[in-house]
Amino acid sequence: MKGNTSRKPRATAEPGDHPELCAVLSEIPVGGITPFTTIDFPGRLAGVFYLQGCEWRCRYCYNSEFWKFVPDATCVSPEKIPHFLESRRGKLDGIVFSGGEPTAHPSLKKWIRAVRSLGYQVALHTNGMYPDRLGEVLPLCDWVGIDIKAPFDQYADVTMREGSGAAAKAGLRRILSSHVPYECRTTVHPDLLKNESLLQLAGELHDLGVREFHVQRFRREGCPDPELCESSRLGAVISPDLQDRLRAIFPKLQVRG
């Protein structure tokens, strides 16, 4: 699903004129920034804030450096966030909250509101691990990308956390019921997600109401699991036959990588 791409940032609050706004922006635990992207927020020019902190330990994660929340040691300096946002106004349409897992932070709603007050649209990248907190921030989001790891009964094989499948399913349901434009995507490594498991997942998603599916190949960059990086089966994923079987479920299928 695609959102309205015509909206532009509005001139609203100025961080320098509002110390309380600057204080809120400065507390966001940003571990890294992408200053410009055209792919992380469909139809928009955006910057990405990678928030620290995630309790899951997905074996193929390429942002594993943001798993731990160590603000004093590794966060972007607090004064840089308000400066970045003020300097990009009129140049960027939106800001993406990514991670790590942004909903791991109880203050996410407050941070999103502060960014929106500067005229930015907001996108959220999430794994759905905190469904209730996700539900609180969805009304403030212009677009959401949710990473679905595996069939929900096989989630722990990827995340290394029991109960993660139930949380993700509840999070996805929150997104679907919100009517916020979204993208549902799955990373495929053949050692973690066999063809039949991927087809099972596709069926589960379709039954929940997902109508567009994005499948992306595993990439080695940043992956913390040497076994996955060295697998001899990497070239076997997402074959043309498998793509045809997926398209029988999702005519709107996008395969990346």
C-alpha atoms as a PDB file:
ATOM      1  CA  MET A   1       0.000   0.000   0.000  1.00  0.00           C
ATOM      2  CA  LYS A   2       1.196   3.492  -0.784  1.00  0.00           C
ATOM      3  CA  GLY A   3       0.352   6.691   1.029  1.00  0.00           C
ATOM      4  CA  ASN A   4      -0.221  10.235  -0.151  1.00  0.00           C
ATOM      5  CA  THR A   5       3.078  11.475  -1.557  1.00  0.00           C
ATOM      6  CA  SER A   6       2.067  15.075  -2.144  1.00  0.00           C
ATOM      7  CA  ARG A   7       2.429  16.421   1.384  1.00  0.00           C
ATOM      8  CA  LYS A   8       5.497  18.472   2.255  1.00  0.00           C
ATOM      9  CA  PRO A   9       6.975  19.523   5.601  1.00  0.00           C
ATOM     10  CA  ARG A  10       5.260  22.564   7.066  1.00  0.00           C
ATOM     11  CA  ALA A  11       6.950  25.407   8.870  1.00  0.00           C
ATOM     12  CA  THR A  12       5.760  24.931  12.447  1.00  0.00           C
ATOM     13  CA  ALA A  13       7.717  24.873  15.702  1.00  0.00           C
ATOM     14  CA  GLU A  14      11.360  25.940  15.829  1.00  0.00           C
ATOM     15  CA  PRO A  15      13.490  23.812  18.186  1.00  0.00           C
ATOM     16  CA  GLY A  16      15.667  26.766  19.138  1.00  0.00           C
ATOM     17  CA  ASP A  17      12.644  28.785  20.229  1.00  0.00           C
ATOM     18  CA  HIS A  18      11.190  26.020  22.412  1.00  0.00           C
ATOM     19  CA  PRO A  19      13.605  24.600  25.009  1.00  0.00           C
ATOM     20  CA  GLU A  20      11.091  21.916  26.022  1.00  0.00           C
ATOM     21  CA  LEU A  21      10.867  20.679  22.409  1.00  0.00           C
ATOM     22  CA  CYS A  22      14.636  20.667  22.081  1.00  0.00           C
ATOM     23  CA  ALA A  23      14.883  18.656  25.319  1.00  0.00           C
ATOM     24  CA  VAL A  24      12.456  16.008  24.035  1.00  0.00           C
ATOM     25  CA  LEU A  25      14.294  15.678  20.726  1.00  0.00           C
ATOM     26  CA  SER A  26      17.643  15.447  22.486  1.00  0.00           C
ATOM     27  CA  GLU A  27      16.578  12.421  24.559  1.00  0.00           C
ATOM     28  CA  ILE A  28      15.871  10.203  21.529  1.00  0.00           C
ATOM     29  CA  PRO A  29      18.440   7.343  21.750  1.00  0.00           C
ATOM     30  CA  VAL A  30      19.634   7.526  18.153  1.00  0.00           C
ATOM     31  CA  GLY A  31      22.495   5.118  17.503  1.00  0.00           C
ATOM     32  CA  GLY A  32      22.963   6.232  13.900  1.00  0.00           C
ATOM     33  CA  ILE A  33      21.450   8.437  11.193  1.00  0.00           C
ATOM     34  CA  THR A  34      20.931   8.022   7.470  1.00  0.00           C
ATOM     35  CA  PRO A  35      20.699  11.669   6.374  1.00  0.00           C
ATOM     36  CA  PHE A  36      18.943  10.978   3.062  1.00  0.00           C
ATOM     37  CA  THR A  37      17.039   8.040   1.605  1.00  0.00           C
ATOM     38  CA  THR A  38      14.484   7.477  -1.125  1.00  0.00           C
ATOM     39  CA  ILE A  39      13.713   3.835  -0.274  1.00  0.00           C
ATOM     40  CA  ASP A  40      12.909   3.662   3.457  1.00  0.00           C
ATOM     41  CA  PHE A  41       9.740   5.798   3.285  1.00  0.00           C
ATOM     42  CA  PRO A  42       7.949   5.129  -0.033  1.00  0.00           C
ATOM     43  CA  GLY A  43       7.303   8.221  -2.090  1.00  0.00           C
ATOM     44  CA  ARG A  44       9.165  10.516   0.285  1.00  0.00           C
ATOM     45  CA  LEU A  45      12.617  11.940   0.739  1.00  0.00           C
ATOM     46  CA  ALA A  46      13.522  11.030   4.287  1.00  0.00           C
ATOM     47  CA  GLY A  47      16.135  10.725   6.984  1.00  0.00           C
ATOM     48  CA  VAL A  48      16.378   7.625   9.173  1.00  0.00           C
ATOM     49  CA  PHE A  49      16.902   7.511  12.936  1.00  0.00           C
ATOM     50  CA  TYR A  50      18.178   4.118  14.133  1.00  0.00           C
ATOM     51  CA  LEU A  51      17.061   3.829  17.738  1.00  0.00           C
ATOM     52  CA  GLN A  52      19.017   1.643  20.102  1.00  0.00           C
ATOM     53  CA  GLY A  53      17.458  -1.312  21.850  1.00  0.00           C
ATOM     54  CA  CYS A  54      15.839  -4.608  20.831  1.00  0.00           C
ATOM     55  CA  GLU A  55      15.168  -7.716  22.928  1.00  0.00           C
ATOM     56  CA  TRP A  56      15.003 -10.126  20.009  1.00  0.00           C
ATOM     57  CA  ARG A  57      18.189 -11.656  18.617  1.00  0.00           C
ATOM     58  CA  CYS A  58      17.259 -12.403  15.006  1.00  0.00           C
ATOM     59  CA  ARG A  59      20.036 -14.510  13.585  1.00  0.00           C
ATOM     60  CA  TYR A  60      20.237 -12.639  10.280  1.00  0.00           C
ATOM     61  CA  CYS A  61      19.845  -9.114  11.687  1.00  0.00           C
ATOM     62  CA  TYR A  62      21.981  -6.583   9.803  1.00  0.00           C
ATOM     63  CA  ASN A  63      21.452  -3.886  12.445  1.00  0.00           C
ATOM     64  CA  SER A  64      22.689  -5.943  15.375  1.00  0.00           C
ATOM     65  CA  GLU A  65      24.891  -3.052  16.516  1.00  0.00           C
ATOM     66  CA  PHE A  66      21.670  -1.412  17.732  1.00  0.00           C
ATOM     67  CA  TRP A  67      20.517  -4.347  19.883  1.00  0.00           C
ATOM     68  CA  LYS A  68      21.912  -2.932  23.109  1.00  0.00           C
ATOM     69  CA  PHE A  69      20.799   0.325  24.677  1.00  0.00           C
ATOM     70  CA  VAL A  70      24.003   2.083  25.770  1.00  0.00           C
ATOM     71  CA  PRO A  71      23.147   5.769  25.436  1.00  0.00           C
ATOM     72  CA  ASP A  72      26.197   7.406  26.979  1.00  0.00           C
ATOM     73  CA  ALA A  73      28.672   5.330  25.005  1.00  0.00           C
ATOM     74  CA  THR A  74      27.251   4.985  21.522  1.00  0.00           C
ATOM     75  CA  CYS A  75      24.325   7.364  20.942  1.00  0.00           C
ATOM     76  CA  VAL A  76      24.480  10.297  18.563  1.00  0.00           C
ATOM     77  CA  SER A  77      25.220  13.389  20.664  1.00  0.00           C
ATOM     78  CA  PRO A  78      21.985  14.890  22.073  1.00  0.00           C
ATOM     79  CA  GLU A  79      22.499  18.315  20.516  1.00  0.00           C
ATOM     80  CA  LYS A  80      22.821  16.815  17.026  1.00  0.00           C
ATOM     81  CA  ILE A  81      19.216  15.611  16.758  1.00  0.00           C
ATOM     82  CA  PRO A  82      17.488  19.039  16.998  1.00  0.00           C
ATOM     83  CA  HIS A  83      20.154  20.514  14.728  1.00  0.00           C
ATOM     84  CA  PHE A  84      19.681  17.780  12.135  1.00  0.00           C
ATOM     85  CA  LEU A  85      15.911  18.200  12.114  1.00  0.00           C
ATOM     86  CA  GLU A  86      16.067  21.977  11.894  1.00  0.00           C
ATOM     87  CA  SER A  87      18.666  21.965   9.115  1.00  0.00           C
ATOM     88  CA  ARG A  88      16.692  19.476   6.944  1.00  0.00           C
ATOM     89  CA  ARG A  89      13.355  21.255   7.051  1.00  0.00           C
ATOM     90  CA  GLY A  90      12.163  21.968   3.537  1.00  0.00           C
ATOM     91  CA  LYS A  91      14.656  19.417   2.194  1.00  0.00           C
ATOM     92  CA  LEU A  92      13.187  16.218   3.629  1.00  0.00           C
ATOM     93  CA  ASP A  93       9.559  15.123   3.642  1.00  0.00           C
ATOM     94  CA  GLY A  94       9.821  12.801   6.587  1.00  0.00           C
ATOM     95  CA  ILE A  95      11.734  10.986   9.287  1.00  0.00           C
ATOM     96  CA  VAL A  96      11.863   7.211   9.673  1.00  0.00           C
ATOM     97  CA  PHE A  97      12.101   5.681  13.135  1.00  0.00           C
ATOM     98  CA  SER A  98      13.996   2.420  12.707  1.00  0.00           C
ATOM     99  CA  GLY A  99      16.255   0.377  14.930  1.00  0.00           C
ATOM    100  CA  GLY A 100      16.789  -1.711  16.894  1.00  0.00           C
ATOM    101  CA  GLU A 101      13.100  -1.699  17.690  1.00  0.00           C
ATOM    102  CA  PRO A 102      11.578   1.760  18.171  1.00  0.00           C
ATOM    103  CA  THR A 103       8.578   0.478  20.139  1.00  0.00           C
ATOM    104  CA  ALA A 104      10.960  -0.882  22.777  1.00  0.00           C
ATOM    105  CA  HIS A 105      10.875   2.673  24.169  1.00  0.00           C
ATOM    106  CA  PRO A 106       7.858   3.845  26.208  1.00  0.00           C
ATOM    107  CA  SER A 107       8.596   7.448  25.155  1.00  0.00           C
ATOM    108  CA  LEU A 108       8.306   6.746  21.415  1.00  0.00           C
ATOM    109  CA  LYS A 109       4.902   8.431  21.166  1.00  0.00           C
ATOM    110  CA  LYS A 110       6.306  11.606  22.694  1.00  0.00           C
ATOM    111  CA  TRP A 111       9.300  11.576  20.343  1.00  0.00           C
ATOM    112  CA  ILE A 112       7.157  11.074  17.246  1.00  0.00           C
ATOM    113  CA  ARG A 113       4.916  13.956  18.272  1.00  0.00           C
ATOM    114  CA  ALA A 114       7.962  16.190  18.706  1.00  0.00           C
ATOM    115  CA  VAL A 115       9.248  15.337  15.218  1.00  0.00           C
ATOM    116  CA  ARG A 116       5.798  15.869  13.704  1.00  0.00           C
ATOM    117  CA  SER A 117       5.560  19.271  15.383  1.00  0.00           C
ATOM    118  CA  LEU A 118       8.431  20.357  13.130  1.00  0.00           C
ATOM    119  CA  GLY A 119       6.340  19.559  10.051  1.00  0.00           C
ATOM    120  CA  TYR A 120       7.786  16.163   9.198  1.00  0.00           C
ATOM    121  CA  GLN A 121       5.802  13.117   8.197  1.00  0.00           C
ATOM    122  CA  VAL A 122       6.785  10.000  10.150  1.00  0.00           C
ATOM    123  CA  ALA A 123       7.424   6.404   9.129  1.00  0.00           C
ATOM    124  CA  LEU A 124       8.012   3.501  11.482  1.00  0.00           C
ATOM    125  CA  HIS A 125      10.025   0.314  10.922  1.00  0.00           C
ATOM    126  CA  THR A 126       8.956  -2.308  13.449  1.00  0.00           C
ATOM    127  CA  ASN A 127       8.910  -6.016  14.164  1.00  0.00           C
ATOM    128  CA  GLY A 128       5.651  -5.707  16.111  1.00  0.00           C
ATOM    129  CA  MET A 129       7.119  -7.004  19.356  1.00  0.00           C
ATOM    130  CA  TYR A 130       5.134  -4.543  21.533  1.00  0.00           C
ATOM    131  CA  PRO A 131       1.605  -4.584  20.062  1.00  0.00           C
ATOM    132  CA  ASP A 132       0.025  -2.245  22.617  1.00  0.00           C
ATOM    133  CA  ARG A 133       2.745   0.378  22.263  1.00  0.00           C
ATOM    134  CA  LEU A 134       2.564   0.002  18.489  1.00  0.00           C
ATOM    135  CA  GLY A 135      -1.167   0.640  18.649  1.00  0.00           C
ATOM    136  CA  GLU A 136      -0.540   3.878  20.548  1.00  0.00           C
ATOM    137  CA  VAL A 137       1.774   5.343  17.909  1.00  0.00           C
ATOM    138  CA  LEU A 138       0.047   4.139  14.730  1.00  0.00           C
ATOM    139  CA  PRO A 139      -2.314   7.164  14.573  1.00  0.00           C
ATOM    140  CA  LEU A 140       0.807   9.369  14.412  1.00  0.00           C
ATOM    141  CA  CYS A 141       2.426   7.435  11.555  1.00  0.00           C
ATOM    142  CA  ASP A 142       2.077   8.109   7.833  1.00  0.00           C
ATOM    143  CA  TRP A 143       3.538   4.724   6.848  1.00  0.00           C
ATOM    144  CA  VAL A 144       4.719   1.544   8.587  1.00  0.00           C
ATOM    145  CA  GLY A 145       7.052  -1.234   7.493  1.00  0.00           C
ATOM    146  CA  ILE A 146       6.725  -4.451   9.503  1.00  0.00           C
ATOM    147  CA  ASP A 147       9.270  -7.270   9.343  1.00  0.00           C
ATOM    148  CA  ILE A 148       7.634 -10.678   9.582  1.00  0.00           C
ATOM    149  CA  LYS A 149      10.219 -13.327  10.366  1.00  0.00           C
ATOM    150  CA  ALA A 150       8.619 -16.742   9.779  1.00  0.00           C
ATOM    151  CA  PRO A 151       5.374 -18.677  10.222  1.00  0.00           C
ATOM    152  CA  PHE A 152       4.196 -17.551  13.625  1.00  0.00           C
ATOM    153  CA  ASP A 153       4.748 -20.956  15.225  1.00  0.00           C
ATOM    154  CA  GLN A 154       8.384 -20.956  14.014  1.00  0.00           C
ATOM    155  CA  TYR A 155       9.347 -17.454  15.134  1.00  0.00           C
ATOM    156  CA  ALA A 156      11.715 -18.499  17.924  1.00  0.00           C
ATOM    157  CA  ASP A 157      13.942 -20.240  15.343  1.00  0.00           C
ATOM    158  CA  VAL A 158      14.776 -16.777  14.014  1.00  0.00           C
ATOM    159  CA  THR A 159      14.360 -14.430  16.980  1.00  0.00           C
ATOM    160  CA  MET A 160      15.757 -16.783  19.653  1.00  0.00           C
ATOM    161  CA  ARG A 161      12.873 -15.667  21.894  1.00  0.00           C
ATOM    162  CA  GLU A 162       9.882 -17.784  22.903  1.00  0.00           C
ATOM    163  CA  GLY A 163       6.524 -16.097  22.445  1.00  0.00           C
ATOM    164  CA  SER A 164       7.796 -13.751  19.769  1.00  0.00           C
ATOM    165  CA  GLY A 165       5.450 -15.153  17.121  1.00  0.00           C
ATOM    166  CA  ALA A 166       2.341 -14.331  19.129  1.00  0.00           C
ATOM    167  CA  ALA A 167       3.584 -10.791  19.729  1.00  0.00           C
ATOM    168  CA  ALA A 168       4.366 -10.239  16.055  1.00  0.00           C
ATOM    169  CA  LYS A 169       0.977 -11.556  14.968  1.00  0.00           C
ATOM    170  CA  ALA A 170      -0.769  -9.202  17.385  1.00  0.00           C
ATOM    171  CA  GLY A 171       1.374  -6.316  16.146  1.00  0.00           C
ATOM    172  CA  LEU A 172       0.498  -7.059  12.526  1.00  0.00           C
ATOM    173  CA  ARG A 173      -3.183  -7.150  13.406  1.00  0.00           C
ATOM    174  CA  ARG A 174      -2.851  -3.698  14.973  1.00  0.00           C
ATOM    175  CA  ILE A 175      -1.365  -2.373  11.742  1.00  0.00           C
ATOM    176  CA  LEU A 176      -4.015  -3.964   9.545  1.00  0.00           C
ATOM    177  CA  SER A 177      -6.861  -2.572  11.649  1.00  0.00           C
ATOM    178  CA  SER A 178      -5.317   0.927  11.741  1.00  0.00           C
ATOM    179  CA  HIS A 179      -5.625   1.515   7.964  1.00  0.00           C
ATOM    180  CA  VAL A 180      -2.217   3.215   8.002  1.00  0.00           C
ATOM    181  CA  PRO A 181      -0.364   2.517   4.722  1.00  0.00           C
ATOM    182  CA  TYR A 182       2.077  -0.307   5.356  1.00  0.00           C
ATOM    183  CA  GLU A 183       4.533  -2.788   3.908  1.00  0.00           C
ATOM    184  CA  CYS A 184       4.801  -6.389   5.063  1.00  0.00           C
ATOM    185  CA  ARG A 185       8.206  -7.929   4.326  1.00  0.00           C
ATOM    186  CA  THR A 186      10.169 -11.063   5.077  1.00  0.00           C
ATOM    187  CA  THR A 187      13.896 -11.759   4.861  1.00  0.00           C
ATOM    188  CA  VAL A 188      14.684 -15.217   3.494  1.00  0.00           C
ATOM    189  CA  HIS A 189      17.708 -17.312   4.424  1.00  0.00           C
ATOM    190  CA  PRO A 190      17.318 -20.929   3.233  1.00  0.00           C
ATOM    191  CA  ASP A 191      18.708 -22.337   6.489  1.00  0.00           C
ATOM    192  CA  LEU A 192      16.036 -20.507   8.500  1.00  0.00           C
ATOM    193  CA  LEU A 193      13.067 -20.395   6.171  1.00  0.00           C
ATOM    194  CA  LYS A 194      12.509 -23.384   3.909  1.00  0.00           C
ATOM    195  CA  ASN A 195      10.354 -22.997   0.807  1.00  0.00           C
ATOM    196  CA  GLU A 196       7.368 -24.703   2.385  1.00  0.00           C
ATOM    197  CA  SER A 197       7.679 -22.522   5.479  1.00  0.00           C
ATOM    198  CA  LEU A 198       7.702 -19.405   3.326  1.00  0.00           C
ATOM    199  CA  LEU A 199       4.573 -20.624   1.537  1.00  0.00           C
ATOM    200  CA  GLN A 200       2.972 -21.401   4.898  1.00  0.00           C
ATOM    201  CA  LEU A 201       3.777 -17.870   6.040  1.00  0.00           C
ATOM    202  CA  ALA A 202       2.333 -16.400   2.853  1.00  0.00           C
ATOM    203  CA  GLY A 203      -0.920 -18.259   3.511  1.00  0.00           C
ATOM    204  CA  GLU A 204      -1.043 -17.054   7.110  1.00  0.00           C
ATOM    205  CA  LEU A 205      -0.493 -13.448   6.058  1.00  0.00           C
ATOM    206  CA  HIS A 206      -3.144 -13.656   3.364  1.00  0.00           C
ATOM    207  CA  ASP A 207      -5.638 -15.087   5.866  1.00  0.00           C
ATOM    208  CA  LEU A 208      -4.967 -12.144   8.177  1.00  0.00           C
ATOM    209  CA  GLY A 209      -5.710  -9.669   5.384  1.00  0.00           C
ATOM    210  CA  VAL A 210      -2.304  -8.822   3.917  1.00  0.00           C
ATOM    211  CA  ARG A 211      -2.610  -8.282   0.166  1.00  0.00           C
ATOM    212  CA  GLU A 212       0.898  -7.211  -0.838  1.00  0.00           C
ATOM    213  CA  PHE A 213       4.040  -9.111   0.147  1.00  0.00           C
ATOM    214  CA  HIS A 214       7.686  -8.094  -0.086  1.00  0.00           C
ATOM    215  CA  VAL A 215      10.338 -10.812   0.072  1.00  0.00           C
ATOM    216  CA  GLN A 216      13.996  -9.914   0.405  1.00  0.00           C
ATOM    217  CA  ARG A 217      17.080 -12.068   0.205  1.00  0.00           C
ATOM    218  CA  PHE A 218      19.421 -12.376   3.153  1.00  0.00           C
ATOM    219  CA  ARG A 219      22.503 -10.186   3.023  1.00  0.00           C
ATOM    220  CA  ARG A 220      25.729 -10.785   4.896  1.00  0.00           C
ATOM    221  CA  GLU A 221      26.454  -7.173   5.849  1.00  0.00           C
ATOM    222  CA  GLY A 222      26.147  -6.749   9.617  1.00  0.00           C
ATOM    223  CA  CYS A 223      24.876 -10.293  10.228  1.00  0.00           C
ATOM    224  CA  PRO A 224      26.137 -11.521  13.633  1.00  0.00           C
ATOM    225  CA  ASP A 225      25.787 -15.239  12.797  1.00  0.00           C
ATOM    226  CA  PRO A 226      28.860 -16.708  11.012  1.00  0.00           C
ATOM    227  CA  GLU A 227      27.019 -19.935  10.232  1.00  0.00           C
ATOM    228  CA  LEU A 228      24.395 -18.097   8.198  1.00  0.00           C
ATOM    229  CA  CYS A 229      27.002 -15.979   6.435  1.00  0.00           C
ATOM    230  CA  GLU A 230      29.018 -19.036   5.404  1.00  0.00           C
ATOM    231  CA  SER A 231      26.088 -21.211   4.344  1.00  0.00           C
ATOM    232  CA  SER A 232      26.555 -22.993   1.019  1.00  0.00           C
ATOM    233  CA  ARG A 233      22.829 -22.715   0.290  1.00  0.00           C
ATOM    234  CA  LEU A 234      22.547 -18.960  -0.097  1.00  0.00           C
ATOM    235  CA  GLY A 235      22.119 -19.148  -3.865  1.00  0.00           C
ATOM    236  CA  ALA A 236      19.104 -21.434  -3.552  1.00  0.00           C
ATOM    237  CA  VAL A 237      16.578 -18.904  -2.262  1.00  0.00           C
ATOM    238  CA  ILE A 238      13.528 -17.435  -4.013  1.00  0.00           C
ATOM    239  CA  SER A 239      13.672 -19.528  -7.197  1.00  0.00           C
ATOM    240  CA  PRO A 240      11.399 -18.662 -10.143  1.00  0.00           C
ATOM    241  CA  ASP A 241       9.159 -21.617  -9.246  1.00  0.00           C
ATOM    242  CA  LEU A 242       8.850 -20.420  -5.663  1.00  0.00           C
ATOM    243  CA  GLN A 243       8.056 -16.916  -6.880  1.00  0.00           C
ATOM    244  CA  ASP A 244       5.260 -18.283  -9.072  1.00  0.00           C
ATOM    245  CA  ARG A 245       3.780 -20.167  -6.119  1.00  0.00           C
ATOM    246  CA  LEU A 246       3.941 -17.030  -3.978  1.00  0.00           C
ATOM    247  CA  ARG A 247       2.302 -14.963  -6.717  1.00  0.00           C
ATOM    248  CA  ALA A 248      -0.592 -17.394  -6.723  1.00  0.00           C
ATOM    249  CA  ILE A 249      -1.233 -16.125  -3.179  1.00  0.00           C
ATOM    250  CA  PHE A 250      -0.018 -12.544  -3.620  1.00  0.00           C
ATOM    251  CA  PRO A 251      -0.373 -11.125  -7.159  1.00  0.00           C
ATOM    252  CA  LYS A 252       1.306  -8.045  -5.677  1.00  0.00           C
ATOM    253  CA  LEU A 253       4.621  -9.696  -4.829  1.00  0.00           C
ATOM    254  CA  GLN A 254       7.945  -7.905  -4.828  1.00  0.00           C
ATOM    255  CA  VAL A 255      11.212  -9.823  -4.625  1.00  0.00           C
ATOM    256  CA  ARG A 256      14.272  -7.793  -3.621  1.00  0.00           C
ATOM    257  CA  GLY A 257      17.885  -8.683  -4.023  1.00  0.00           C
END
